[in-house]
């Protein structure tokens, strides 16, 4: 398989169970480092998350058990699409805690600075979408390369992004070709943010 790493961590339940503190959300914080034995091209190797920092983005996904109905479909799906992630300078790390427990289907996108930029946790019976993971990664990379822009719902490379404006009227005029619901959500967020900051 082209899937790069399959990790078995004895302590990842602490990570997925948020042994970190609950005071801060995971998104926006540096990912907790770990080191573990991994299978790579039929060989056992040591992998350390921080070895990727400053070099690559990381898709870190946890799956509950090795031999269930849903897990192999996810592993195969990520493996089949590995080349697309590789072109985006991204490594995929799949983590199983089969030998010590059952993890929920956690998925984290970690940027090159080691900061968790996206997290999603599904219950055991619900598989994840590789398409959505790829789209989210592309949106993340786009906004990091274009810090004055944001990506509306469902944004894909080549589609129109948005520039946050302080005027709701300007937003509506500038983005009239976007679905009305996206514009309303954006304007509502803009207004709430301004109210929260005490701006008029």
N, C-alpha and C. Protein backbone atom coordinates (compact mmCIF):
# COMPACT_ATOMS: atom_id res chain seq x y z
N UNK A 1 0.83 -1.19 0.00
CA UNK A 1 0.00 0.00 0.00
C UNK A 1 0.87 1.24 0.00
N UNK A 2 0.37 2.31 -0.58
CA UNK A 2 1.11 3.56 -0.61
C UNK A 2 0.94 4.34 0.68
N UNK A 3 0.06 3.89 1.56
CA UNK A 3 -0.16 4.56 2.83
C UNK A 3 1.15 4.62 3.59
N UNK A 4 1.53 5.80 4.04
CA UNK A 4 2.88 6.01 4.55
C UNK A 4 3.13 5.39 5.92
N UNK A 5 2.31 5.70 6.88
CA UNK A 5 2.58 5.22 8.22
C UNK A 5 1.32 4.65 8.85
N UNK A 6 1.51 3.61 9.60
CA UNK A 6 0.43 3.08 10.42
C UNK A 6 1.03 2.96 11.80
N UNK A 7 0.56 3.78 12.72
CA UNK A 7 1.15 3.83 14.06
C UNK A 7 0.34 2.99 15.04
N UNK A 8 1.03 2.47 15.99
CA UNK A 8 0.38 1.84 17.14
C UNK A 8 0.94 2.54 18.36
N UNK A 9 0.09 3.32 19.03
CA UNK A 9 0.53 4.08 20.18
C UNK A 9 -0.14 3.54 21.44
N UNK A 10 0.64 3.35 22.46
CA UNK A 10 0.07 2.91 23.71
C UNK A 10 -0.51 4.08 24.50
N UNK A 11 -0.08 5.28 24.20
CA UNK A 11 -0.51 6.43 24.98
C UNK A 11 -1.39 7.40 24.20
N UNK A 12 -1.79 7.05 22.98
CA UNK A 12 -2.56 8.01 22.20
C UNK A 12 -3.97 8.19 22.73
N UNK A 13 -4.45 7.28 23.56
CA UNK A 13 -5.75 7.48 24.18
C UNK A 13 -5.69 8.73 25.05
N UNK A 14 -4.55 8.97 25.65
CA UNK A 14 -4.40 10.19 26.43
C UNK A 14 -4.53 11.41 25.51
N UNK A 15 -4.02 11.31 24.28
CA UNK A 15 -4.12 12.43 23.34
C UNK A 15 -5.54 12.59 22.84
N UNK A 16 -6.13 11.50 22.36
CA UNK A 16 -7.48 11.61 21.82
C UNK A 16 -8.48 11.85 22.94
N UNK A 17 -8.18 11.40 24.14
CA UNK A 17 -9.05 11.65 25.29
C UNK A 17 -8.75 12.99 25.93
N UNK A 18 -7.88 13.77 25.32
CA UNK A 18 -7.54 15.11 25.76
C UNK A 18 -6.98 15.13 27.18
N UNK A 19 -5.95 14.33 27.41
CA UNK A 19 -5.27 14.39 28.69
C UNK A 19 -4.61 15.76 28.85
N UNK A 20 -4.46 16.47 27.73
CA UNK A 20 -4.07 17.86 27.80
C UNK A 20 -5.14 18.52 28.67
N UNK A 21 -5.06 19.79 28.91
CA UNK A 21 -6.12 20.40 29.71
C UNK A 21 -7.31 20.74 28.83
N UNK A 22 -8.47 20.78 29.43
CA UNK A 22 -9.68 21.18 28.71
C UNK A 22 -9.83 22.69 28.68
N UNK A 23 -8.92 23.42 29.32
CA UNK A 23 -9.04 24.87 29.39
C UNK A 23 -8.86 25.52 28.02
N UNK A 24 -8.03 24.94 27.18
CA UNK A 24 -7.78 25.49 25.85
C UNK A 24 -8.26 24.51 24.80
N UNK A 25 -8.84 25.01 23.71
CA UNK A 25 -9.24 24.09 22.64
C UNK A 25 -8.01 23.56 21.93
N UNK A 26 -8.13 22.39 21.31
CA UNK A 26 -7.00 21.84 20.57
C UNK A 26 -6.66 22.71 19.37
N UNK A 27 -7.67 23.13 18.62
CA UNK A 27 -7.43 23.94 17.42
C UNK A 27 -6.80 25.26 17.84
N UNK A 28 -5.72 25.59 17.16
CA UNK A 28 -5.00 26.83 17.47
C UNK A 28 -3.83 26.63 18.40
N UNK A 29 -3.67 25.45 18.94
CA UNK A 29 -2.56 25.15 19.84
C UNK A 29 -1.59 24.17 19.19
N UNK A 30 -0.38 24.15 19.69
CA UNK A 30 0.63 23.23 19.18
C UNK A 30 0.22 21.80 19.52
N UNK A 31 0.36 20.92 18.56
CA UNK A 31 0.01 19.51 18.76
C UNK A 31 0.97 18.90 19.77
N UNK A 32 0.47 18.08 20.68
CA UNK A 32 1.36 17.42 21.63
C UNK A 32 2.27 16.44 20.88
N UNK A 33 3.54 16.51 21.17
CA UNK A 33 4.49 15.65 20.48
C UNK A 33 4.37 14.23 20.99
N UNK A 34 4.69 13.29 20.14
CA UNK A 34 4.76 11.89 20.54
C UNK A 34 5.79 11.19 19.67
N UNK A 35 6.25 10.08 20.17
CA UNK A 35 7.16 9.22 19.42
C UNK A 35 6.63 7.81 19.54
N UNK A 36 6.64 7.08 18.42
CA UNK A 36 6.08 5.74 18.44
C UNK A 36 6.69 4.89 17.33
N UNK A 37 6.53 3.61 17.49
CA UNK A 37 6.94 2.68 16.45
C UNK A 37 5.86 2.65 15.39
N UNK A 38 6.28 2.65 14.12
CA UNK A 38 5.34 2.67 13.01
C UNK A 38 5.73 1.64 11.97
N UNK A 39 4.75 1.26 11.17
CA UNK A 39 5.02 0.39 10.03
C UNK A 39 5.11 1.28 8.80
N UNK A 40 6.23 1.20 8.11
CA UNK A 40 6.46 1.98 6.90
C UNK A 40 7.08 1.07 5.86
N UNK A 41 6.37 0.85 4.74
CA UNK A 41 6.85 -0.06 3.69
C UNK A 41 7.28 -1.41 4.26
N UNK A 42 6.41 -1.99 5.08
CA UNK A 42 6.62 -3.33 5.67
C UNK A 42 7.77 -3.39 6.68
N UNK A 43 8.29 -2.25 7.09
CA UNK A 43 9.38 -2.19 8.08
C UNK A 43 8.92 -1.41 9.30
N UNK A 44 9.44 -1.76 10.47
CA UNK A 44 9.17 -1.00 11.68
C UNK A 44 10.18 0.13 11.78
N UNK A 45 9.67 1.35 11.99
CA UNK A 45 10.52 2.53 12.14
C UNK A 45 9.99 3.37 13.30
N UNK A 46 10.83 4.24 13.84
CA UNK A 46 10.41 5.17 14.88
C UNK A 46 9.93 6.45 14.20
N UNK A 47 8.81 6.96 14.65
CA UNK A 47 8.24 8.20 14.12
C UNK A 47 8.03 9.16 15.28
N UNK A 48 8.42 10.41 15.05
CA UNK A 48 8.21 11.46 16.05
C UNK A 48 7.47 12.59 15.36
N UNK A 49 6.33 13.00 15.90
CA UNK A 49 5.51 14.02 15.25
C UNK A 49 6.31 15.29 14.98
N UNK A 50 7.09 15.73 15.95
CA UNK A 50 7.81 17.00 15.79
C UNK A 50 8.87 16.95 14.69
N UNK A 51 9.23 15.77 14.21
CA UNK A 51 10.18 15.68 13.09
C UNK A 51 9.59 16.29 11.81
N UNK A 52 8.26 16.41 11.75
CA UNK A 52 7.61 16.97 10.57
C UNK A 52 7.47 18.49 10.66
N UNK A 53 7.56 19.04 11.88
CA UNK A 53 7.39 20.48 12.06
C UNK A 53 8.45 21.21 11.25
N UNK A 54 8.07 22.33 10.67
CA UNK A 54 8.90 23.17 9.80
C UNK A 54 9.13 22.54 8.43
N UNK A 55 8.62 21.32 8.21
CA UNK A 55 8.86 20.63 6.93
C UNK A 55 7.57 20.32 6.19
N UNK A 56 6.59 19.74 6.89
CA UNK A 56 5.39 19.24 6.24
C UNK A 56 4.15 19.51 7.06
N UNK A 57 3.03 19.50 6.36
CA UNK A 57 1.73 19.45 7.04
C UNK A 57 1.50 17.98 7.40
N UNK A 58 0.67 17.74 8.39
CA UNK A 58 0.38 16.36 8.82
C UNK A 58 -1.12 16.16 8.94
N UNK A 59 -1.60 15.07 8.34
CA UNK A 59 -2.96 14.59 8.60
C UNK A 59 -2.77 13.46 9.60
N UNK A 60 -3.27 13.64 10.80
CA UNK A 60 -3.15 12.64 11.87
C UNK A 60 -4.56 12.11 12.12
N UNK A 61 -4.77 10.83 11.77
CA UNK A 61 -6.11 10.30 12.01
C UNK A 61 -6.05 9.04 12.84
N UNK A 62 -6.99 8.96 13.77
CA UNK A 62 -7.11 7.81 14.67
C UNK A 62 -8.26 6.94 14.19
N UNK A 63 -8.03 5.64 14.23
CA UNK A 63 -9.14 4.73 13.90
C UNK A 63 -9.25 3.71 15.03
N UNK A 64 -10.49 3.27 15.31
CA UNK A 64 -10.76 2.49 16.51
C UNK A 64 -10.08 1.12 16.59
N UNK A 65 -10.23 0.32 15.57
CA UNK A 65 -9.73 -1.05 15.61
C UNK A 65 -9.19 -1.43 14.24
N UNK A 66 -8.23 -2.34 14.21
CA UNK A 66 -7.61 -2.70 12.94
C UNK A 66 -8.53 -3.47 12.01
N UNK A 67 -9.31 -4.37 12.54
CA UNK A 67 -10.09 -5.26 11.67
C UNK A 67 -11.58 -5.12 11.93
N UNK A 68 -12.11 -3.97 11.55
CA UNK A 68 -13.54 -3.73 11.64
C UNK A 68 -14.04 -3.45 10.23
N UNK A 69 -15.30 -3.12 10.11
CA UNK A 69 -15.85 -2.88 8.78
C UNK A 69 -15.46 -1.52 8.22
N UNK A 70 -15.47 -0.48 9.05
CA UNK A 70 -15.24 0.89 8.56
C UNK A 70 -13.76 1.23 8.45
N UNK A 71 -12.96 0.83 9.42
CA UNK A 71 -11.54 1.23 9.46
C UNK A 71 -10.77 0.90 8.17
N UNK A 72 -10.87 -0.31 7.64
CA UNK A 72 -10.14 -0.60 6.40
C UNK A 72 -10.57 0.28 5.23
N UNK A 73 -11.84 0.70 5.21
CA UNK A 73 -12.27 1.58 4.11
C UNK A 73 -11.59 2.93 4.20
N UNK A 74 -11.40 3.43 5.42
CA UNK A 74 -10.71 4.71 5.60
C UNK A 74 -9.23 4.59 5.27
N UNK A 75 -8.60 3.56 5.78
CA UNK A 75 -7.17 3.36 5.53
C UNK A 75 -6.91 3.23 4.03
N UNK A 76 -7.72 2.45 3.37
CA UNK A 76 -7.57 2.27 1.92
C UNK A 76 -7.82 3.58 1.17
N UNK A 77 -8.84 4.32 1.58
CA UNK A 77 -9.17 5.59 0.92
C UNK A 77 -8.02 6.59 1.05
N UNK A 78 -7.45 6.71 2.25
CA UNK A 78 -6.31 7.62 2.42
C UNK A 78 -5.10 7.12 1.63
N UNK A 79 -4.90 5.81 1.62
CA UNK A 79 -3.78 5.24 0.87
C UNK A 79 -3.92 5.52 -0.63
N UNK A 80 -5.12 5.32 -1.16
CA UNK A 80 -5.36 5.54 -2.59
C UNK A 80 -5.13 6.99 -3.00
N UNK A 81 -5.31 7.91 -2.07
CA UNK A 81 -5.18 9.34 -2.38
C UNK A 81 -3.88 9.94 -1.87
N UNK A 82 -2.97 9.11 -1.38
CA UNK A 82 -1.73 9.60 -0.78
C UNK A 82 -0.97 10.55 -1.69
N UNK A 83 -0.92 10.25 -2.98
CA UNK A 83 -0.20 11.10 -3.93
C UNK A 83 -0.71 12.54 -3.95
N UNK A 84 -2.02 12.71 -3.81
CA UNK A 84 -2.59 14.06 -3.79
C UNK A 84 -2.13 14.84 -2.56
N UNK A 85 -2.05 14.16 -1.42
CA UNK A 85 -1.58 14.81 -0.20
C UNK A 85 -0.08 15.10 -0.30
N UNK A 86 0.65 14.17 -0.89
CA UNK A 86 2.09 14.35 -1.05
C UNK A 86 2.40 15.60 -1.88
N UNK A 87 1.60 15.85 -2.93
CA UNK A 87 1.78 17.04 -3.76
C UNK A 87 1.55 18.32 -2.96
N UNK A 88 0.80 18.22 -1.87
CA UNK A 88 0.53 19.37 -1.01
C UNK A 88 1.48 19.39 0.20
N UNK A 89 2.60 18.69 0.07
CA UNK A 89 3.62 18.66 1.12
C UNK A 89 3.03 18.21 2.46
N UNK A 90 2.27 17.13 2.40
CA UNK A 90 1.55 16.65 3.58
C UNK A 90 1.80 15.16 3.79
N UNK A 91 2.08 14.80 5.03
CA UNK A 91 2.26 13.41 5.42
C UNK A 91 0.99 12.93 6.11
N UNK A 92 0.63 11.68 5.90
CA UNK A 92 -0.54 11.08 6.55
C UNK A 92 -0.04 10.09 7.59
N UNK A 93 -0.51 10.25 8.82
CA UNK A 93 -0.19 9.32 9.89
C UNK A 93 -1.49 8.72 10.40
N UNK A 94 -1.64 7.41 10.28
CA UNK A 94 -2.81 6.71 10.79
C UNK A 94 -2.46 6.04 12.09
N UNK A 95 -3.31 6.20 13.09
CA UNK A 95 -3.00 5.70 14.44
C UNK A 95 -4.07 4.73 14.89
N UNK A 96 -3.62 3.56 15.34
CA UNK A 96 -4.51 2.57 15.91
C UNK A 96 -4.12 2.36 17.37
N UNK A 97 -5.13 2.24 18.21
CA UNK A 97 -4.88 1.91 19.62
C UNK A 97 -5.49 0.55 19.93
N UNK A 98 -5.61 -0.26 18.90
CA UNK A 98 -6.28 -1.56 18.99
C UNK A 98 -5.80 -2.38 20.18
N UNK A 99 -4.51 -2.34 20.47
CA UNK A 99 -3.97 -3.21 21.52
C UNK A 99 -4.30 -2.73 22.93
N UNK A 100 -4.73 -1.48 23.08
CA UNK A 100 -4.98 -0.96 24.43
C UNK A 100 -6.37 -0.38 24.64
N UNK A 101 -7.16 -0.29 23.61
CA UNK A 101 -8.50 0.28 23.76
C UNK A 101 -9.09 0.64 22.42
N UNK A 102 -10.13 1.45 22.47
CA UNK A 102 -10.80 1.89 21.26
C UNK A 102 -10.85 3.41 21.25
N UNK A 103 -10.34 4.00 20.18
CA UNK A 103 -10.37 5.46 20.02
C UNK A 103 -11.53 5.84 19.12
N UNK A 104 -12.09 7.01 19.33
CA UNK A 104 -13.05 7.54 18.37
C UNK A 104 -12.29 7.90 17.10
N UNK A 105 -13.02 8.20 16.05
CA UNK A 105 -12.40 8.52 14.76
C UNK A 105 -11.98 9.99 14.75
N UNK A 106 -10.87 10.29 15.40
CA UNK A 106 -10.34 11.65 15.44
C UNK A 106 -9.47 11.92 14.23
N UNK A 107 -9.59 13.13 13.68
CA UNK A 107 -8.76 13.55 12.56
C UNK A 107 -8.29 14.96 12.83
N UNK A 108 -6.99 15.18 12.67
CA UNK A 108 -6.39 16.48 12.95
C UNK A 108 -5.53 16.90 11.77
N UNK A 109 -5.65 18.16 11.37
CA UNK A 109 -4.74 18.71 10.37
C UNK A 109 -3.80 19.65 11.12
N UNK A 110 -2.52 19.34 11.00
CA UNK A 110 -1.48 20.08 11.72
C UNK A 110 -0.62 20.79 10.68
N UNK A 111 -0.40 22.09 10.88
CA UNK A 111 0.37 22.84 9.89
C UNK A 111 1.87 22.65 10.11
N UNK A 112 2.68 23.30 9.27
CA UNK A 112 4.13 23.11 9.33
C UNK A 112 4.75 23.69 10.61
N UNK A 113 4.02 24.53 11.29
CA UNK A 113 4.50 25.08 12.56
C UNK A 113 4.13 24.17 13.74
N UNK A 114 3.43 23.09 13.45
CA UNK A 114 3.02 22.16 14.50
C UNK A 114 1.72 22.55 15.17
N UNK A 115 0.99 23.51 14.60
CA UNK A 115 -0.26 23.99 15.20
C UNK A 115 -1.43 23.21 14.61
N UNK A 116 -2.32 22.75 15.49
CA UNK A 116 -3.53 22.06 15.05
C UNK A 116 -4.46 23.11 14.45
N UNK A 117 -4.76 22.96 13.17
CA UNK A 117 -5.60 23.93 12.47
C UNK A 117 -7.01 23.41 12.24
N UNK A 118 -7.21 22.11 12.37
CA UNK A 118 -8.54 21.52 12.15
C UNK A 118 -8.63 20.24 12.96
N UNK A 119 -9.80 20.00 13.53
CA UNK A 119 -10.04 18.72 14.19
C UNK A 119 -11.48 18.30 13.94
N UNK A 120 -11.66 17.01 13.79
CA UNK A 120 -13.00 16.43 13.63
C UNK A 120 -12.98 15.09 14.34
N UNK A 121 -14.02 14.83 15.09
CA UNK A 121 -14.11 13.55 15.80
C UNK A 121 -15.46 12.93 15.50
N UNK A 122 -15.41 11.77 14.88
CA UNK A 122 -16.64 11.02 14.57
C UNK A 122 -16.80 9.88 15.55
N UNK A 123 -18.04 9.46 15.74
CA UNK A 123 -18.29 8.29 16.55
C UNK A 123 -17.86 7.05 15.75
N UNK A 124 -17.84 5.91 16.39
CA UNK A 124 -17.26 4.70 15.83
C UNK A 124 -17.86 4.27 14.49
N UNK A 125 -19.15 4.45 14.30
CA UNK A 125 -19.82 3.91 13.11
C UNK A 125 -19.77 4.83 11.89
N UNK A 126 -19.16 6.02 12.03
CA UNK A 126 -19.21 7.01 10.94
C UNK A 126 -17.81 7.24 10.38
N UNK A 127 -17.62 6.81 9.12
CA UNK A 127 -16.34 7.00 8.46
C UNK A 127 -16.14 8.44 8.02
N UNK A 128 -14.88 8.80 7.77
CA UNK A 128 -14.55 10.17 7.37
C UNK A 128 -14.38 10.29 5.86
N UNK A 129 -14.49 11.50 5.37
CA UNK A 129 -14.38 11.77 3.95
C UNK A 129 -12.97 12.26 3.61
N UNK A 130 -12.28 11.51 2.76
CA UNK A 130 -10.96 11.93 2.30
C UNK A 130 -11.11 13.20 1.45
N UNK A 131 -12.18 13.30 0.67
CA UNK A 131 -12.41 14.49 -0.14
C UNK A 131 -12.48 15.74 0.75
N UNK A 132 -13.24 15.67 1.83
CA UNK A 132 -13.38 16.83 2.71
C UNK A 132 -12.08 17.13 3.44
N UNK A 133 -11.34 16.10 3.81
CA UNK A 133 -10.04 16.33 4.45
C UNK A 133 -9.10 17.05 3.48
N UNK A 134 -9.07 16.62 2.24
CA UNK A 134 -8.23 17.25 1.23
C UNK A 134 -8.67 18.69 0.98
N UNK A 135 -9.97 18.91 0.87
CA UNK A 135 -10.49 20.26 0.65
C UNK A 135 -10.14 21.19 1.82
N UNK A 136 -10.28 20.70 3.03
CA UNK A 136 -9.96 21.50 4.21
C UNK A 136 -8.47 21.84 4.24
N UNK A 137 -7.63 20.87 3.92
CA UNK A 137 -6.19 21.11 3.85
C UNK A 137 -5.87 22.18 2.80
N UNK A 138 -6.50 22.08 1.64
CA UNK A 138 -6.26 23.07 0.58
C UNK A 138 -6.72 24.46 1.02
N UNK A 139 -7.84 24.54 1.71
CA UNK A 139 -8.32 25.83 2.21
C UNK A 139 -7.35 26.39 3.25
N UNK A 140 -6.88 25.54 4.14
CA UNK A 140 -5.90 25.96 5.15
C UNK A 140 -4.65 26.52 4.49
N UNK A 141 -4.11 25.79 3.54
CA UNK A 141 -2.91 26.25 2.86
C UNK A 141 -3.16 27.55 2.11
N UNK A 142 -4.35 27.70 1.52
CA UNK A 142 -4.67 28.92 0.81
C UNK A 142 -4.69 30.12 1.75
N UNK A 143 -5.37 30.00 2.89
CA UNK A 143 -5.46 31.16 3.79
C UNK A 143 -4.12 31.45 4.47
N UNK A 144 -3.27 30.43 4.63
CA UNK A 144 -1.94 30.69 5.18
C UNK A 144 -1.06 31.42 4.16
N UNK A 145 -1.28 31.13 2.88
CA UNK A 145 -0.53 31.82 1.83
C UNK A 145 -1.15 33.17 1.49
N UNK A 146 -2.42 33.37 1.82
CA UNK A 146 -3.15 34.61 1.54
C UNK A 146 -3.84 35.07 2.83
N UNK A 147 -3.07 35.59 3.79
CA UNK A 147 -3.63 35.87 5.12
C UNK A 147 -4.72 36.94 5.17
N UNK A 148 -4.91 37.69 4.09
CA UNK A 148 -5.97 38.70 4.09
C UNK A 148 -7.27 38.16 3.48
N UNK A 149 -7.33 36.85 3.23
CA UNK A 149 -8.51 36.25 2.63
C UNK A 149 -9.03 35.11 3.50
N UNK A 150 -10.32 34.79 3.30
CA UNK A 150 -10.95 33.66 3.99
C UNK A 150 -11.68 32.81 2.94
N UNK A 151 -11.95 31.58 3.30
CA UNK A 151 -12.61 30.66 2.37
C UNK A 151 -14.05 30.40 2.83
N UNK A 152 -15.04 30.69 1.96
CA UNK A 152 -16.43 30.43 2.34
C UNK A 152 -16.74 28.93 2.33
N UNK A 153 -17.92 28.59 2.74
CA UNK A 153 -18.37 27.20 2.80
C UNK A 153 -18.15 26.49 1.47
N UNK A 154 -17.57 25.30 1.54
CA UNK A 154 -17.39 24.48 0.35
C UNK A 154 -16.32 24.97 -0.62
N UNK A 155 -15.53 25.97 -0.22
CA UNK A 155 -14.52 26.53 -1.11
C UNK A 155 -13.58 25.44 -1.61
N UNK A 156 -13.21 25.55 -2.90
CA UNK A 156 -12.22 24.66 -3.50
C UNK A 156 -11.23 25.51 -4.27
N UNK A 157 -10.01 25.00 -4.49
CA UNK A 157 -9.01 25.77 -5.23
C UNK A 157 -9.55 26.26 -6.57
N UNK A 158 -9.27 27.51 -6.86
CA UNK A 158 -9.74 28.11 -8.10
C UNK A 158 -11.05 28.87 -7.94
N UNK A 159 -11.76 28.63 -6.84
CA UNK A 159 -13.01 29.35 -6.60
C UNK A 159 -12.71 30.66 -5.88
N UNK A 160 -13.70 31.53 -5.89
CA UNK A 160 -13.55 32.85 -5.29
C UNK A 160 -13.45 32.75 -3.77
N UNK A 161 -12.44 33.40 -3.23
CA UNK A 161 -12.32 33.51 -1.78
C UNK A 161 -12.97 34.83 -1.37
N UNK A 162 -12.90 35.14 -0.09
CA UNK A 162 -13.51 36.37 0.41
C UNK A 162 -12.46 37.19 1.16
N UNK A 163 -12.62 38.51 1.12
CA UNK A 163 -11.79 39.40 1.91
C UNK A 163 -12.68 39.97 3.00
N UNK A 164 -12.36 39.71 4.27
CA UNK A 164 -13.19 40.24 5.35
C UNK A 164 -13.25 41.77 5.27
N UNK A 165 -14.45 42.29 5.30
CA UNK A 165 -14.67 43.73 5.25
C UNK A 165 -15.43 44.16 6.49
N UNK A 166 -15.26 45.39 6.87
CA UNK A 166 -15.97 45.87 8.06
C UNK A 166 -17.40 46.29 7.74
N UNK A 167 -17.70 46.48 6.49
CA UNK A 167 -19.04 46.92 6.11
C UNK A 167 -19.85 45.76 5.55
N UNK A 168 -20.97 45.46 6.18
CA UNK A 168 -21.84 44.38 5.72
C UNK A 168 -22.36 44.69 4.32
N UNK A 169 -22.66 45.95 4.05
CA UNK A 169 -23.18 46.33 2.73
C UNK A 169 -22.14 46.04 1.64
N UNK A 170 -20.89 46.37 1.90
CA UNK A 170 -19.84 46.11 0.93
C UNK A 170 -19.67 44.62 0.69
N UNK A 171 -19.82 43.85 1.75
CA UNK A 171 -19.71 42.40 1.62
C UNK A 171 -20.79 41.86 0.69
N UNK A 172 -22.01 42.32 0.91
CA UNK A 172 -23.12 41.85 0.08
C UNK A 172 -22.93 42.23 -1.38
N UNK A 173 -22.44 43.46 -1.62
CA UNK A 173 -22.23 43.89 -2.99
C UNK A 173 -21.08 43.15 -3.65
N UNK A 174 -20.00 42.96 -2.89
CA UNK A 174 -18.81 42.34 -3.47
C UNK A 174 -19.02 40.86 -3.75
N UNK A 175 -19.83 40.20 -2.94
CA UNK A 175 -19.96 38.75 -3.07
C UNK A 175 -21.37 38.33 -3.45
N UNK A 176 -22.03 39.12 -4.29
CA UNK A 176 -23.41 38.81 -4.65
C UNK A 176 -23.53 37.51 -5.43
N UNK A 177 -22.45 37.02 -6.04
CA UNK A 177 -22.52 35.76 -6.78
C UNK A 177 -22.42 34.54 -5.86
N UNK A 178 -22.08 34.74 -4.59
CA UNK A 178 -22.05 33.62 -3.65
C UNK A 178 -23.46 33.29 -3.18
N UNK A 179 -23.68 32.06 -2.72
CA UNK A 179 -24.99 31.73 -2.16
C UNK A 179 -25.34 32.68 -1.01
N UNK A 180 -26.58 33.11 -0.97
CA UNK A 180 -27.02 34.08 0.02
C UNK A 180 -26.73 33.58 1.44
N UNK A 181 -26.91 32.30 1.68
CA UNK A 181 -26.68 31.77 3.03
C UNK A 181 -25.24 31.96 3.47
N UNK A 182 -24.28 31.82 2.54
CA UNK A 182 -22.87 32.03 2.89
C UNK A 182 -22.62 33.48 3.25
N UNK A 183 -23.19 34.38 2.47
CA UNK A 183 -23.01 35.82 2.73
C UNK A 183 -23.65 36.19 4.06
N UNK A 184 -24.85 35.69 4.34
CA UNK A 184 -25.53 36.00 5.60
C UNK A 184 -24.71 35.50 6.78
N UNK A 185 -24.21 34.27 6.69
CA UNK A 185 -23.37 33.74 7.77
C UNK A 185 -22.16 34.62 8.00
N UNK A 186 -21.52 35.03 6.89
CA UNK A 186 -20.33 35.86 6.99
C UNK A 186 -20.65 37.21 7.63
N UNK A 187 -21.72 37.84 7.18
CA UNK A 187 -22.11 39.15 7.71
C UNK A 187 -22.49 39.03 9.18
N UNK A 188 -23.25 38.00 9.53
CA UNK A 188 -23.63 37.79 10.93
C UNK A 188 -22.39 37.65 11.80
N UNK A 189 -21.41 36.88 11.34
CA UNK A 189 -20.17 36.70 12.10
C UNK A 189 -19.43 38.02 12.22
N UNK A 190 -19.37 38.79 11.13
CA UNK A 190 -18.70 40.08 11.12
C UNK A 190 -19.35 41.02 12.12
N UNK A 191 -20.70 41.07 12.14
CA UNK A 191 -21.41 41.96 13.05
C UNK A 191 -21.22 41.54 14.50
N UNK A 192 -21.31 40.24 14.77
CA UNK A 192 -21.12 39.75 16.13
C UNK A 192 -19.71 40.05 16.62
N UNK A 193 -18.74 39.88 15.74
CA UNK A 193 -17.35 40.18 16.10
C UNK A 193 -17.21 41.65 16.44
N UNK A 194 -17.80 42.53 15.63
CA UNK A 194 -17.71 43.96 15.88
C UNK A 194 -18.41 44.34 17.17
N UNK A 195 -19.57 43.74 17.46
CA UNK A 195 -20.26 44.01 18.71
C UNK A 195 -19.45 43.53 19.89
N UNK A 196 -18.85 42.38 19.76
CA UNK A 196 -18.03 41.83 20.84
C UNK A 196 -16.84 42.73 21.14
N UNK A 197 -16.27 43.32 20.11
CA UNK A 197 -15.11 44.20 20.30
C UNK A 197 -15.52 45.61 20.69
N UNK A 198 -16.83 45.86 20.73
CA UNK A 198 -17.31 47.18 21.12
C UNK A 198 -17.20 48.19 19.99
N UNK A 199 -17.11 47.70 18.75
CA UNK A 199 -17.03 48.60 17.60
C UNK A 199 -18.41 48.89 17.06
N UNK A 200 -18.56 49.97 16.35
CA UNK A 200 -19.86 50.31 15.75
C UNK A 200 -19.79 50.20 14.26
